[in-house]
Protein backbone atom coordinates (compact mmCIF):
# COMPACT_ATOMS: atom_id res chain seq x y z
CA MET A 1 -208.09 -1.23 -48.75
CA TYR A 2 -206.35 -4.47 -47.82
CA ILE A 3 -207.74 -8.00 -47.85
CA ASN A 4 -206.85 -10.78 -45.43
CA LYS A 5 -209.07 -13.75 -46.34
CA ALA A 6 -208.47 -17.50 -46.34
CA PHE A 7 -210.69 -20.30 -47.71
CA ILE A 8 -209.71 -23.93 -47.24
CA TYR A 9 -211.43 -27.29 -47.59
CA GLY A 10 -209.76 -30.36 -46.17
CA ASN A 11 -209.81 -33.04 -43.49
CA LEU A 12 -209.08 -32.68 -39.78
CA THR A 13 -205.76 -34.20 -38.75
CA ARG A 14 -206.80 -34.45 -35.08
CA ASP A 15 -209.88 -33.98 -32.89
CA PRO A 16 -210.59 -30.35 -31.93
CA GLU A 17 -209.13 -29.17 -28.62
CA THR A 18 -211.47 -26.88 -26.65
CA ARG A 19 -210.50 -24.48 -23.87
CA ALA A 20 -212.36 -21.87 -21.87
CA LEU A 21 -211.25 -18.24 -22.05
CA PRO A 22 -211.01 -16.10 -18.88
CA SER A 23 -214.05 -14.22 -20.16
CA GLY A 24 -216.06 -17.48 -20.13
CA GLY A 25 -216.13 -17.97 -23.90
CA GLN A 26 -214.94 -21.09 -25.67
CA VAL A 27 -212.05 -21.49 -28.11
CA SER A 28 -211.38 -24.59 -30.22
CA SER A 29 -208.31 -25.33 -32.26
CA PHE A 30 -207.65 -28.04 -34.81
CA SER A 31 -205.50 -28.74 -37.83
CA VAL A 32 -206.75 -29.22 -41.41
CA ALA A 33 -204.83 -31.02 -44.15
CA THR A 34 -205.22 -29.91 -47.76
CA ASN A 35 -203.49 -31.29 -50.82
CA ARG A 36 -202.78 -30.53 -54.43
CA VAL A 37 -201.80 -32.86 -57.22
CA PHE A 38 -199.61 -31.64 -60.06
CA ARG A 39 -197.32 -32.98 -62.77
CA LYS A 40 -193.60 -32.44 -62.52
CA ALA A 41 -191.53 -31.44 -65.55
CA ASP A 42 -190.76 -35.09 -66.31
CA GLY A 43 -194.50 -35.92 -66.42
CA THR A 44 -194.82 -37.79 -63.13
CA LYS A 45 -197.65 -36.99 -60.74
CA GLN A 46 -196.69 -35.34 -57.49
CA GLU A 47 -198.90 -34.73 -54.43
CA GLN A 48 -198.17 -31.97 -51.96
CA VAL A 49 -199.89 -31.78 -48.56
CA GLU A 50 -200.23 -28.60 -46.48
CA TYR A 51 -201.31 -28.43 -42.84
CA HIS A 52 -203.26 -25.43 -41.56
CA ASN A 53 -203.86 -24.49 -37.92
CA VAL A 54 -207.42 -23.25 -37.33
CA VAL A 55 -208.80 -21.39 -34.29
CA VAL A 56 -212.54 -20.94 -33.70
CA PHE A 57 -214.19 -18.80 -31.00
CA GLY A 58 -217.58 -18.66 -29.29
CA ARG A 59 -220.61 -20.81 -29.99
CA GLN A 60 -219.07 -22.02 -33.23
CA ALA A 61 -216.14 -23.43 -31.22
CA GLU A 62 -218.55 -25.47 -29.09
CA THR A 63 -220.29 -26.81 -32.22
CA CYS A 64 -216.97 -27.77 -33.82
CA ALA A 65 -215.88 -29.61 -30.67
CA GLN A 66 -219.20 -31.45 -30.56
CA TYR A 67 -219.45 -32.60 -34.21
CA LEU A 68 -215.97 -32.64 -35.76
CA ARG A 69 -213.59 -35.57 -35.41
CA LYS A 70 -210.27 -36.57 -36.91
CA GLY A 71 -210.81 -37.23 -40.64
CA SER A 72 -213.95 -35.07 -40.90
CA GLY A 73 -214.23 -32.88 -43.98
CA VAL A 74 -214.52 -29.18 -43.22
CA PHE A 75 -214.71 -25.88 -45.13
CA VAL A 76 -213.15 -22.96 -43.24
CA GLU A 77 -213.45 -19.27 -44.08
CA GLY A 78 -211.42 -16.82 -42.04
CA ARG A 79 -208.41 -14.56 -41.80
CA LEU A 80 -204.70 -15.26 -41.36
CA GLN A 81 -203.02 -14.23 -38.14
CA THR A 82 -199.43 -14.82 -37.02
CA ARG A 83 -198.56 -14.78 -33.35
CA SER A 84 -195.13 -14.93 -31.75
CA TRP A 85 -193.71 -15.83 -28.37
CA ASP A 86 -190.33 -16.40 -26.73
CA GLY A 87 -189.82 -20.14 -26.28
CA GLU A 88 -187.01 -22.52 -25.43
CA LYS A 89 -185.73 -22.27 -29.02
CA GLY A 90 -185.83 -18.46 -29.09
CA LYS A 91 -188.50 -16.42 -30.84
CA GLN A 92 -191.19 -18.72 -32.26
CA TYR A 93 -193.99 -17.98 -34.73
CA ARG A 94 -197.25 -19.66 -35.61
CA THR A 95 -199.60 -18.65 -38.44
CA GLU A 96 -203.24 -19.61 -37.90
CA ILE A 97 -206.56 -19.18 -39.63
CA ILE A 98 -208.96 -17.39 -37.30
CA ALA A 99 -212.24 -18.89 -38.49
CA GLU A 100 -215.20 -16.66 -39.19
CA ARG A 101 -217.28 -19.50 -40.63
CA VAL A 102 -216.91 -23.28 -40.42
CA GLN A 103 -219.05 -25.58 -42.56
CA PHE A 104 -219.01 -29.31 -41.94
CA GLY A 105 -218.39 -31.69 -44.83
CA PRO A 106 -220.47 -34.79 -45.55
CA ARG A 107 -220.85 -37.14 -42.61
CA SER A 108 -219.12 -40.46 -42.97
CA THR A 109 -221.00 -43.67 -42.23
CA ALA A 110 -217.90 -45.41 -40.91
CA PRO A 111 -217.61 -45.93 -37.16
CA SER A 112 -215.77 -43.03 -35.57
CA SER A 113 -212.50 -43.52 -33.73
CA THR A 114 -214.12 -42.22 -30.52
CA GLY A 115 -216.72 -45.01 -30.47
CA GLY A 116 -219.64 -42.86 -31.61
CA ASP A 117 -222.94 -44.16 -32.91
CA ARG A 118 -222.18 -43.73 -36.63
CA THR A 119 -222.32 -47.44 -37.43
CA PRO A 120 -223.78 -48.47 -40.78
CA PRO A 121 -227.13 -50.31 -40.86
CA GLN A 122 -226.73 -54.05 -40.29
CA SER A 123 -229.83 -55.49 -41.96
CA GLU A 124 -231.94 -54.77 -45.02
CA ALA A 125 -234.78 -53.58 -42.76
CA GLU A 126 -232.53 -50.83 -41.37
CA MET A 127 -231.43 -49.62 -44.82
CA PRO A 128 -233.02 -46.35 -45.98
CA GLN A 129 -235.80 -46.94 -48.50
CA LYS A 130 -235.68 -45.34 -51.94
CA ALA A 131 -238.60 -43.15 -52.99
CA PRO A 132 -241.18 -44.89 -55.17
CA LYS A 133 -240.92 -44.21 -58.91
CA GLU A 134 -244.29 -42.40 -59.03
CA ASP A 135 -243.13 -39.73 -56.53
CA THR A 136 -240.32 -38.51 -58.78
CA ILE A 137 -240.60 -35.59 -61.18
CA GLU A 138 -240.63 -36.43 -64.88
CA TYR A 139 -238.70 -33.82 -66.85
CA PRO A 140 -239.41 -33.34 -70.57
CA GLU A 141 -236.88 -34.70 -73.03
CA GLU A 142 -236.94 -31.71 -75.40
CA ASP A 143 -234.72 -28.66 -74.97
CA ILE A 144 -236.08 -25.48 -73.44
CA ASN A 145 -236.72 -22.71 -75.91
CA PRO A 146 -235.34 -19.38 -74.55
CA ASP A 147 -238.28 -17.55 -76.19
CA ASP A 148 -240.67 -19.38 -73.83
CA ILE A 149 -239.06 -17.89 -70.72
CA PRO A 150 -241.23 -14.92 -69.53
CA PHE A 151 -238.42 -12.69 -68.27
């Protein structure tokens, strides 16, 4: 048995591009940037960025095109697929993640670059109210004894 599975979490480098397939279905593609930070042999910190091409099909493609924007955090689960074609520069290759599941990251409160309605509240009256103190759960200070657990 062989496994072809990819999991990435990163930020979109561009808005999703959506196209219609001849069959009538939708396909969206976008790029996700991930990074890793490591220390070189001399002790200095180094950051390395990788860019991943992601392709999403069907209803999930429509949802991605509707809600995701450049800079949005996204978790993608899928499989790797490499396609090839003959281009101006000879044989060309592109490896993509064919998404099986896309989960959106936390929404930012900053105004979006496309002029969306994600502006932060302007006055104190528009700010979300915190729950009153009496509605919170008071947890005991003592440790839980494992012998008290019924299972």
